[in-house]
N, C-alpha and C. Protein backbone atom coordinates (compact mmCIF):
# COMPACT_ATOMS: atom_id res chain seq x y z
N MET A 1 12.93 -23.98 6.65
CA MET A 1 12.19 -22.88 6.08
C MET A 1 13.16 -21.74 5.75
N ARG A 2 13.14 -21.31 4.53
CA ARG A 2 14.06 -20.28 4.07
C ARG A 2 13.59 -18.90 4.55
N LYS A 3 14.53 -18.06 4.97
CA LYS A 3 14.20 -16.71 5.42
C LYS A 3 14.87 -15.68 4.54
N ARG A 4 14.25 -14.54 4.44
CA ARG A 4 14.82 -13.41 3.71
C ARG A 4 14.96 -12.25 4.67
N LYS A 5 15.85 -11.33 4.34
CA LYS A 5 16.03 -10.17 5.20
C LYS A 5 15.43 -8.94 4.56
N ARG A 6 14.84 -8.11 5.40
CA ARG A 6 14.35 -6.80 4.98
C ARG A 6 14.50 -5.89 6.18
N GLY A 7 15.17 -4.80 6.03
CA GLY A 7 15.33 -3.88 7.13
C GLY A 7 16.08 -4.46 8.32
N GLY A 8 17.00 -5.38 8.05
CA GLY A 8 17.81 -5.95 9.11
C GLY A 8 17.15 -7.09 9.86
N ARG A 9 15.92 -7.44 9.53
CA ARG A 9 15.21 -8.53 10.20
C ARG A 9 14.96 -9.66 9.21
N ALA A 10 15.07 -10.88 9.68
CA ALA A 10 14.78 -12.04 8.83
C ALA A 10 13.29 -12.33 8.87
N TYR A 11 12.70 -12.61 7.70
CA TYR A 11 11.28 -12.90 7.57
C TYR A 11 11.10 -14.24 6.87
N ARG A 12 10.11 -14.98 7.30
CA ARG A 12 9.74 -16.19 6.57
C ARG A 12 9.01 -15.76 5.30
N ARG A 13 9.08 -16.59 4.28
CA ARG A 13 8.44 -16.29 3.00
C ARG A 13 6.95 -15.98 3.20
N GLU A 14 6.28 -16.71 4.07
CA GLU A 14 4.85 -16.50 4.31
C GLU A 14 4.58 -15.09 4.85
N GLU A 15 5.48 -14.59 5.67
CA GLU A 15 5.32 -13.23 6.20
C GLU A 15 5.47 -12.20 5.10
N LEU A 16 6.42 -12.41 4.21
CA LEU A 16 6.65 -11.46 3.13
C LEU A 16 5.52 -11.48 2.10
N GLU A 17 4.86 -12.61 1.97
CA GLU A 17 3.80 -12.73 0.97
C GLU A 17 2.43 -12.30 1.49
N ARG A 18 2.34 -11.93 2.76
CA ARG A 18 1.09 -11.44 3.32
C ARG A 18 0.85 -10.01 2.82
N THR A 19 -0.05 -9.87 1.91
CA THR A 19 -0.36 -8.56 1.35
C THR A 19 -1.86 -8.39 1.26
N VAL A 20 -2.29 -7.19 0.94
CA VAL A 20 -3.71 -6.95 0.71
C VAL A 20 -3.89 -6.56 -0.75
N PRO A 21 -5.02 -6.94 -1.36
CA PRO A 21 -5.24 -6.62 -2.77
C PRO A 21 -5.64 -5.16 -2.95
N LEU A 22 -4.86 -4.45 -3.75
CA LEU A 22 -5.15 -3.05 -4.06
C LEU A 22 -4.90 -2.80 -5.54
N CYS A 23 -5.61 -1.85 -6.10
CA CYS A 23 -5.32 -1.46 -7.48
C CYS A 23 -3.97 -0.73 -7.49
N GLY A 24 -3.39 -0.61 -8.65
CA GLY A 24 -2.07 0.02 -8.78
C GLY A 24 -1.98 1.41 -8.18
N PRO A 25 -2.90 2.32 -8.54
CA PRO A 25 -2.81 3.67 -7.97
C PRO A 25 -2.93 3.69 -6.45
N CYS A 26 -3.82 2.88 -5.90
CA CYS A 26 -3.96 2.83 -4.44
C CYS A 26 -2.72 2.25 -3.79
N HIS A 27 -2.15 1.22 -4.41
CA HIS A 27 -0.92 0.62 -3.89
C HIS A 27 0.20 1.65 -3.84
N ARG A 28 0.37 2.38 -4.91
CA ARG A 28 1.42 3.41 -4.95
C ARG A 28 1.16 4.49 -3.90
N HIS A 29 -0.11 4.90 -3.77
CA HIS A 29 -0.44 5.94 -2.80
C HIS A 29 -0.14 5.48 -1.37
N VAL A 30 -0.52 4.26 -1.06
CA VAL A 30 -0.29 3.72 0.29
C VAL A 30 1.20 3.77 0.62
N HIS A 31 2.05 3.48 -0.36
CA HIS A 31 3.49 3.51 -0.11
C HIS A 31 4.04 4.92 0.00
N THR A 32 3.31 5.92 -0.47
CA THR A 32 3.75 7.31 -0.26
C THR A 32 3.32 7.80 1.13
N VAL A 33 2.30 7.20 1.69
CA VAL A 33 1.77 7.63 2.98
C VAL A 33 2.46 6.92 4.15
N PHE A 34 2.73 5.63 4.01
CA PHE A 34 3.22 4.82 5.13
C PHE A 34 4.60 4.24 4.85
N SER A 35 5.34 4.05 5.93
CA SER A 35 6.61 3.32 5.83
C SER A 35 6.30 1.83 5.79
N GLU A 36 7.29 1.03 5.39
CA GLU A 36 7.11 -0.42 5.39
C GLU A 36 6.76 -0.92 6.79
N LYS A 37 7.40 -0.34 7.78
CA LYS A 37 7.15 -0.76 9.16
C LYS A 37 5.71 -0.46 9.58
N GLU A 38 5.19 0.72 9.22
CA GLU A 38 3.80 1.07 9.54
C GLU A 38 2.83 0.12 8.84
N LEU A 39 3.12 -0.20 7.58
CA LEU A 39 2.25 -1.11 6.85
C LEU A 39 2.25 -2.49 7.50
N GLU A 40 3.40 -2.92 7.90
CA GLU A 40 3.51 -4.24 8.52
C GLU A 40 2.80 -4.31 9.86
N SER A 41 2.96 -3.28 10.68
CA SER A 41 2.44 -3.36 12.05
C SER A 41 1.03 -2.82 12.23
N ASP A 42 0.68 -1.73 11.54
CA ASP A 42 -0.59 -1.05 11.82
C ASP A 42 -1.59 -1.06 10.67
N TYR A 43 -1.13 -1.13 9.45
CA TYR A 43 -2.02 -1.01 8.30
C TYR A 43 -1.89 -2.21 7.38
N ASN A 44 -2.06 -3.39 7.94
CA ASN A 44 -1.87 -4.63 7.19
C ASN A 44 -3.18 -5.29 6.76
N THR A 45 -4.28 -4.54 6.82
CA THR A 45 -5.56 -5.01 6.29
C THR A 45 -6.20 -3.89 5.48
N VAL A 46 -7.07 -4.27 4.58
CA VAL A 46 -7.80 -3.26 3.79
C VAL A 46 -8.63 -2.38 4.72
N GLU A 47 -9.21 -2.99 5.75
CA GLU A 47 -10.05 -2.24 6.69
C GLU A 47 -9.24 -1.17 7.42
N ALA A 48 -8.04 -1.52 7.86
CA ALA A 48 -7.19 -0.55 8.56
C ALA A 48 -6.77 0.58 7.62
N LEU A 49 -6.44 0.25 6.39
CA LEU A 49 -6.07 1.28 5.42
C LEU A 49 -7.24 2.21 5.12
N ALA A 50 -8.41 1.64 4.98
CA ALA A 50 -9.59 2.40 4.55
C ALA A 50 -10.01 3.49 5.53
N VAL A 51 -9.68 3.34 6.79
CA VAL A 51 -10.11 4.35 7.77
C VAL A 51 -9.08 5.47 7.96
N HIS A 52 -7.90 5.32 7.37
CA HIS A 52 -6.90 6.38 7.49
C HIS A 52 -7.33 7.56 6.61
N PRO A 53 -7.32 8.79 7.15
CA PRO A 53 -7.84 9.95 6.39
C PRO A 53 -7.19 10.18 5.03
N GLN A 54 -5.87 10.03 4.93
CA GLN A 54 -5.20 10.27 3.64
C GLN A 54 -5.58 9.20 2.62
N VAL A 55 -5.71 7.99 3.05
CA VAL A 55 -6.10 6.90 2.15
C VAL A 55 -7.56 7.08 1.75
N ARG A 56 -8.42 7.36 2.71
CA ARG A 56 -9.85 7.54 2.44
C ARG A 56 -10.05 8.67 1.42
N ARG A 57 -9.33 9.79 1.60
CA ARG A 57 -9.46 10.93 0.68
C ARG A 57 -9.04 10.53 -0.73
N PHE A 58 -7.94 9.77 -0.84
CA PHE A 58 -7.47 9.32 -2.15
C PHE A 58 -8.47 8.37 -2.80
N VAL A 59 -8.98 7.42 -2.04
CA VAL A 59 -9.96 6.47 -2.57
C VAL A 59 -11.21 7.20 -3.04
N ASP A 60 -11.68 8.16 -2.25
CA ASP A 60 -12.85 8.94 -2.66
C ASP A 60 -12.58 9.69 -3.96
N TRP A 61 -11.37 10.24 -4.08
CA TRP A 61 -11.02 11.00 -5.28
C TRP A 61 -10.94 10.10 -6.51
N ILE A 62 -10.25 8.98 -6.38
CA ILE A 62 -10.00 8.14 -7.56
C ILE A 62 -11.19 7.27 -7.93
N SER A 63 -12.12 7.08 -7.02
CA SER A 63 -13.21 6.13 -7.25
C SER A 63 -14.10 6.51 -8.45
N ASP A 64 -14.19 7.78 -8.78
CA ASP A 64 -15.03 8.16 -9.92
C ASP A 64 -14.23 8.46 -11.19
N LYS A 65 -12.94 8.14 -11.16
CA LYS A 65 -12.07 8.35 -12.33
C LYS A 65 -12.12 7.11 -13.23
N PRO A 66 -11.84 7.28 -14.52
CA PRO A 66 -11.81 6.13 -15.44
C PRO A 66 -10.69 5.16 -15.07
N HIS A 67 -10.91 3.89 -15.36
CA HIS A 67 -9.90 2.86 -15.12
C HIS A 67 -8.60 3.26 -15.80
N GLY A 68 -7.51 3.09 -15.12
CA GLY A 68 -6.20 3.43 -15.68
C GLY A 68 -5.75 4.84 -15.37
N THR A 69 -6.53 5.61 -14.61
CA THR A 69 -6.14 6.97 -14.25
C THR A 69 -4.85 6.93 -13.45
N ILE A 70 -3.94 7.82 -13.81
CA ILE A 70 -2.69 7.96 -13.07
C ILE A 70 -2.72 9.34 -12.42
N PRO A 71 -2.64 9.39 -11.10
CA PRO A 71 -2.64 10.70 -10.43
C PRO A 71 -1.55 11.58 -11.00
N PHE A 72 -1.84 12.87 -11.16
CA PHE A 72 -0.93 13.81 -11.79
C PHE A 72 0.47 13.76 -11.20
N SER A 73 0.60 13.67 -9.88
CA SER A 73 1.92 13.66 -9.27
C SER A 73 2.73 12.42 -9.62
N ARG A 74 2.09 11.40 -10.18
CA ARG A 74 2.76 10.15 -10.53
C ARG A 74 3.16 10.09 -12.00
N ARG A 75 2.67 11.01 -12.81
CA ARG A 75 3.00 10.97 -14.23
C ARG A 75 4.44 11.36 -14.45
N SER A 76 5.08 10.68 -15.36
CA SER A 76 6.47 11.05 -15.67
C SER A 76 6.50 12.00 -16.85
N GLY A 77 7.57 12.75 -16.92
CA GLY A 77 7.77 13.62 -18.06
C GLY A 77 7.16 14.89 -17.89
């Protein structure tokens, strides 16, 4: 079984491919709130993410926006 390294630790491909489905804006927001280590250990399910106050506030905000909305802080230029 082939392993890859991330952060000094070797991971099996199956471990690296364990993700949760999120829309693009939510995915980007989650990575601004949490470190990779936090995501791996504590926030590795949609349910765990959904109860975090910063994530919940963002989801509430973006939920009534048109598809394709890019939060102002993420716009380039």
